[in-house]
């Protein structure tokens, strides 16, 4: 397997990881925006529910933030332990 093919695999992986991280960040930002807007709307309707709504907002936001962290971990795996290099070598018979 020549150096150019390895460089292409690494560069395509880096571009893919960048797109994945951007999508996860965008989704998280949109989710936080929706959660906070509904939180403010709920407080405007029923101010006495503020304590309960705050807890629910933070719990839901924490669950929502877990997804980008999982995506970050998978992305780091692709960057540092690229499985595509081994698969490409096996497919080309380079061992």
N, C-alpha and C. Protein backbone atom coordinates (compact mmCIF):
# COMPACT_ATOMS: atom_id res chain seq x y z
N UNK A 1 0.86 -1.17 0.00
CA UNK A 1 0.00 0.00 0.00
C UNK A 1 0.90 1.23 0.00
N UNK A 2 0.72 2.07 -0.99
CA UNK A 2 1.61 3.23 -1.12
C UNK A 2 1.20 4.37 -0.18
N UNK A 3 2.11 5.31 -0.03
CA UNK A 3 1.91 6.42 0.91
C UNK A 3 0.76 7.33 0.48
N UNK A 4 0.55 7.45 -0.82
CA UNK A 4 -0.52 8.32 -1.30
C UNK A 4 -1.89 7.76 -0.91
N UNK A 5 -2.06 6.46 -0.99
CA UNK A 5 -3.34 5.85 -0.61
C UNK A 5 -3.58 6.01 0.89
N UNK A 6 -2.53 5.84 1.68
CA UNK A 6 -2.67 6.02 3.13
C UNK A 6 -3.04 7.47 3.45
N UNK A 7 -2.39 8.41 2.77
CA UNK A 7 -2.69 9.83 2.99
C UNK A 7 -4.12 10.16 2.58
N UNK A 8 -4.59 9.56 1.50
CA UNK A 8 -5.98 9.79 1.07
C UNK A 8 -6.97 9.26 2.11
N UNK A 9 -6.70 8.08 2.65
CA UNK A 9 -7.59 7.51 3.66
C UNK A 9 -7.63 8.41 4.89
N UNK A 10 -6.45 8.86 5.34
CA UNK A 10 -6.41 9.74 6.51
C UNK A 10 -7.10 11.07 6.24
N UNK A 11 -6.92 11.61 5.05
CA UNK A 11 -7.55 12.91 4.75
C UNK A 11 -9.07 12.78 4.65
N UNK A 12 -9.55 11.72 4.01
CA UNK A 12 -10.99 11.52 3.93
C UNK A 12 -11.58 11.26 5.32
N UNK A 13 -10.85 10.55 6.16
CA UNK A 13 -11.31 10.32 7.52
C UNK A 13 -11.40 11.63 8.29
N UNK A 14 -10.40 12.49 8.13
CA UNK A 14 -10.42 13.78 8.82
C UNK A 14 -11.59 14.65 8.37
N UNK A 15 -11.86 14.65 7.08
CA UNK A 15 -13.00 15.43 6.57
C UNK A 15 -14.31 14.86 7.11
N UNK A 16 -14.44 13.54 7.10
CA UNK A 16 -15.65 12.91 7.62
C UNK A 16 -15.86 13.18 9.10
N UNK A 17 -14.79 13.12 9.87
CA UNK A 17 -14.88 13.40 11.30
C UNK A 17 -15.28 14.86 11.52
N UNK A 18 -14.73 15.76 10.73
CA UNK A 18 -15.11 17.17 10.85
C UNK A 18 -16.59 17.39 10.58
N UNK A 19 -17.10 16.74 9.56
CA UNK A 19 -18.52 16.87 9.24
C UNK A 19 -19.39 16.28 10.35
N UNK A 20 -18.98 15.14 10.87
CA UNK A 20 -19.74 14.50 11.95
C UNK A 20 -19.76 15.37 13.20
N UNK A 21 -18.60 15.94 13.56
CA UNK A 21 -18.55 16.79 14.75
C UNK A 21 -19.35 18.07 14.56
N UNK A 22 -19.31 18.63 13.35
CA UNK A 22 -20.09 19.84 13.08
C UNK A 22 -21.58 19.55 13.19
N UNK A 23 -22.01 18.41 12.66
CA UNK A 23 -23.43 18.06 12.74
C UNK A 23 -23.86 17.82 14.18
N UNK A 24 -23.01 17.16 14.97
CA UNK A 24 -23.35 16.92 16.37
C UNK A 24 -23.42 18.23 17.15
N UNK A 25 -22.49 19.13 16.88
CA UNK A 25 -22.52 20.44 17.55
C UNK A 25 -23.73 21.26 17.16
N UNK A 26 -24.06 21.23 15.88
CA UNK A 26 -25.23 21.97 15.41
C UNK A 26 -26.52 21.40 16.01
N UNK A 27 -26.62 20.09 16.04
CA UNK A 27 -27.80 19.47 16.64
C UNK A 27 -27.92 19.78 18.12
N UNK A 28 -26.80 19.77 18.81
CA UNK A 28 -26.82 20.10 20.23
C UNK A 28 -27.23 21.55 20.46
N UNK A 29 -26.70 22.45 19.66
CA UNK A 29 -27.05 23.87 19.80
C UNK A 29 -28.53 24.10 19.51
N UNK A 30 -29.05 23.47 18.47
CA UNK A 30 -30.47 23.61 18.17
C UNK A 30 -31.33 23.01 19.28
N UNK A 31 -30.89 21.88 19.81
CA UNK A 31 -31.63 21.26 20.90
C UNK A 31 -31.67 22.13 22.15
N UNK A 32 -30.53 22.72 22.50
CA UNK A 32 -30.51 23.62 23.66
C UNK A 32 -31.40 24.82 23.43
N UNK A 33 -31.39 25.33 22.22
CA UNK A 33 -32.26 26.47 21.91
C UNK A 33 -33.72 26.13 22.07
N UNK A 34 -34.11 24.96 21.59
CA UNK A 34 -35.51 24.55 21.73
C UNK A 34 -35.88 24.29 23.19
N UNK A 35 -34.99 23.63 23.91
CA UNK A 35 -35.27 23.34 25.32
C UNK A 35 -35.43 24.63 26.12
N UNK A 36 -34.51 25.56 25.91
CA UNK A 36 -34.57 26.82 26.67
C UNK A 36 -35.78 27.67 26.28
N UNK A 37 -36.14 27.65 25.00
CA UNK A 37 -37.32 28.44 24.60
C UNK A 37 -38.59 27.86 25.22
N UNK A 38 -38.70 26.55 25.26
CA UNK A 38 -39.88 25.93 25.88
C UNK A 38 -39.87 26.13 27.40
N UNK A 39 -38.68 26.18 27.98
CA UNK A 39 -38.56 26.45 29.42
C UNK A 39 -39.07 27.85 29.74
N UNK A 40 -38.63 28.83 28.96
CA UNK A 40 -39.08 30.21 29.17
C UNK A 40 -40.60 30.31 28.93
N UNK A 41 -41.07 29.63 27.91
CA UNK A 41 -42.50 29.64 27.61
C UNK A 41 -43.31 29.03 28.75
N UNK A 42 -42.80 27.94 29.32
CA UNK A 42 -43.49 27.30 30.44
C UNK A 42 -43.51 28.18 31.68
N UNK A 43 -42.41 28.88 31.94
CA UNK A 43 -42.38 29.78 33.09
C UNK A 43 -43.32 30.96 32.86
N UNK A 44 -43.41 31.43 31.63
CA UNK A 44 -44.31 32.55 31.34
C UNK A 44 -45.77 32.14 31.56
N UNK A 45 -46.08 30.88 31.26
CA UNK A 45 -47.46 30.42 31.45
C UNK A 45 -47.77 30.16 32.92
N UNK A 46 -46.84 29.46 33.60
CA UNK A 46 -47.07 29.10 35.01
C UNK A 46 -45.80 29.39 35.82
N UNK A 47 -45.67 30.59 36.35
CA UNK A 47 -44.46 30.95 37.09
C UNK A 47 -44.21 30.08 38.33
N UNK A 48 -45.25 29.52 38.91
CA UNK A 48 -45.06 28.71 40.12
C UNK A 48 -44.40 27.36 39.81
N UNK A 49 -44.31 26.97 38.55
CA UNK A 49 -43.69 25.70 38.15
C UNK A 49 -42.20 25.86 37.85
N UNK A 50 -41.62 27.00 38.19
CA UNK A 50 -40.24 27.29 37.81
C UNK A 50 -39.25 26.24 38.33
N UNK A 51 -39.37 25.85 39.59
CA UNK A 51 -38.42 24.89 40.18
C UNK A 51 -38.49 23.54 39.46
N UNK A 52 -39.69 23.05 39.23
CA UNK A 52 -39.84 21.76 38.56
C UNK A 52 -39.36 21.83 37.11
N UNK A 53 -39.70 22.90 36.43
CA UNK A 53 -39.27 23.05 35.04
C UNK A 53 -37.76 23.19 34.92
N UNK A 54 -37.14 23.85 35.89
CA UNK A 54 -35.69 24.00 35.86
C UNK A 54 -35.01 22.63 35.95
N UNK A 55 -35.47 21.81 36.87
CA UNK A 55 -34.91 20.47 37.01
C UNK A 55 -35.09 19.63 35.75
N UNK A 56 -36.27 19.69 35.18
CA UNK A 56 -36.53 18.93 33.96
C UNK A 56 -35.70 19.45 32.79
N UNK A 57 -35.52 20.77 32.72
CA UNK A 57 -34.73 21.34 31.63
C UNK A 57 -33.27 20.88 31.74
N UNK A 58 -32.71 20.94 32.94
CA UNK A 58 -31.31 20.55 33.12
C UNK A 58 -31.11 19.06 32.89
N UNK A 59 -32.06 18.24 33.33
CA UNK A 59 -31.97 16.80 33.11
C UNK A 59 -32.03 16.48 31.62
N UNK A 60 -32.97 17.07 30.92
CA UNK A 60 -33.11 16.84 29.48
C UNK A 60 -31.90 17.36 28.73
N UNK A 61 -31.40 18.52 29.13
CA UNK A 61 -30.21 19.07 28.49
C UNK A 61 -29.00 18.19 28.71
N UNK A 62 -28.88 17.61 29.91
CA UNK A 62 -27.76 16.70 30.17
C UNK A 62 -27.83 15.45 29.32
N UNK A 63 -29.02 14.90 29.16
CA UNK A 63 -29.17 13.74 28.28
C UNK A 63 -28.85 14.10 26.83
N UNK A 64 -29.26 15.30 26.44
CA UNK A 64 -29.01 15.73 25.07
C UNK A 64 -27.52 15.97 24.84
N UNK A 65 -26.80 16.45 25.84
CA UNK A 65 -25.37 16.71 25.70
C UNK A 65 -24.55 15.42 25.68
N UNK A 66 -25.13 14.31 26.11
CA UNK A 66 -24.40 13.05 26.08
C UNK A 66 -24.12 12.62 24.64
N UNK A 67 -25.02 12.91 23.74
CA UNK A 67 -24.83 12.48 22.34
C UNK A 67 -23.59 13.09 21.70
N UNK A 68 -23.36 14.41 21.78
CA UNK A 68 -22.12 14.93 21.19
C UNK A 68 -20.85 14.38 21.85
N UNK A 69 -20.92 14.05 23.14
CA UNK A 69 -19.74 13.48 23.79
C UNK A 69 -19.46 12.07 23.28
N UNK A 70 -20.51 11.30 23.04
CA UNK A 70 -20.34 9.98 22.45
C UNK A 70 -19.78 10.10 21.04
N UNK A 71 -20.31 11.04 20.28
CA UNK A 71 -19.82 11.28 18.92
C UNK A 71 -18.36 11.72 18.95
N UNK A 72 -17.98 12.53 19.92
CA UNK A 72 -16.59 12.96 20.05
C UNK A 72 -15.68 11.76 20.32
N UNK A 73 -16.11 10.86 21.18
CA UNK A 73 -15.32 9.66 21.46
C UNK A 73 -15.15 8.79 20.23
N UNK A 74 -16.21 8.58 19.48
CA UNK A 74 -16.12 7.79 18.25
C UNK A 74 -15.24 8.48 17.23
N UNK A 75 -15.32 9.80 17.15
CA UNK A 75 -14.49 10.55 16.21
C UNK A 75 -13.02 10.44 16.56
N UNK A 76 -12.71 10.49 17.85
CA UNK A 76 -11.31 10.34 18.26
C UNK A 76 -10.80 8.95 17.93
N UNK A 77 -11.67 7.95 18.03
CA UNK A 77 -11.27 6.60 17.65
C UNK A 77 -10.93 6.56 16.16
N UNK A 78 -11.76 7.20 15.32
CA UNK A 78 -11.47 7.23 13.89
C UNK A 78 -10.17 7.97 13.59
N UNK A 79 -9.88 9.03 14.33
CA UNK A 79 -8.67 9.80 14.06
C UNK A 79 -7.41 9.06 14.52
N UNK A 80 -7.42 8.53 15.75
CA UNK A 80 -6.19 7.98 16.32
C UNK A 80 -6.01 6.48 16.07
N UNK A 81 -7.06 5.73 15.90
CA UNK A 81 -6.96 4.30 15.65
C UNK A 81 -7.79 3.99 14.41
N UNK A 82 -7.38 4.52 13.29
CA UNK A 82 -8.16 4.47 12.07
C UNK A 82 -8.36 3.02 11.61
N UNK A 83 -9.60 2.52 11.65
CA UNK A 83 -9.83 1.14 11.23
C UNK A 83 -9.79 0.96 9.72
N UNK A 84 -9.87 2.05 8.98
CA UNK A 84 -9.90 1.94 7.52
C UNK A 84 -8.55 1.59 6.94
N UNK A 85 -7.46 1.93 7.63
CA UNK A 85 -6.12 1.60 7.14
C UNK A 85 -5.93 0.08 7.15
N UNK A 86 -6.29 -0.56 8.25
CA UNK A 86 -6.16 -2.01 8.34
C UNK A 86 -7.05 -2.73 7.33
N UNK A 87 -8.25 -2.22 7.14
CA UNK A 87 -9.16 -2.84 6.18
C UNK A 87 -8.64 -2.67 4.75
N UNK A 88 -8.07 -1.51 4.46
CA UNK A 88 -7.54 -1.27 3.12
C UNK A 88 -6.32 -2.15 2.86
N UNK A 89 -5.46 -2.31 3.86
CA UNK A 89 -4.30 -3.19 3.70
C UNK A 89 -4.72 -4.63 3.49
N UNK A 90 -5.72 -5.08 4.24
CA UNK A 90 -6.21 -6.45 4.08
C UNK A 90 -6.85 -6.65 2.72
N UNK A 91 -7.57 -5.64 2.23
CA UNK A 91 -8.23 -5.76 0.93
C UNK A 91 -7.21 -5.78 -0.21
N UNK A 92 -6.10 -5.08 -0.02
CA UNK A 92 -5.08 -5.04 -1.07
C UNK A 92 -4.08 -6.18 -0.94
N UNK A 93 -4.21 -6.99 0.11
CA UNK A 93 -3.33 -8.13 0.28
C UNK A 93 -1.96 -7.76 0.82
N UNK A 94 -1.82 -6.60 1.42
CA UNK A 94 -0.52 -6.16 1.93
C UNK A 94 -0.26 -6.71 3.32
N UNK A 95 -1.24 -7.35 3.92
CA UNK A 95 -1.07 -7.98 5.22
C UNK A 95 -1.08 -7.01 6.29
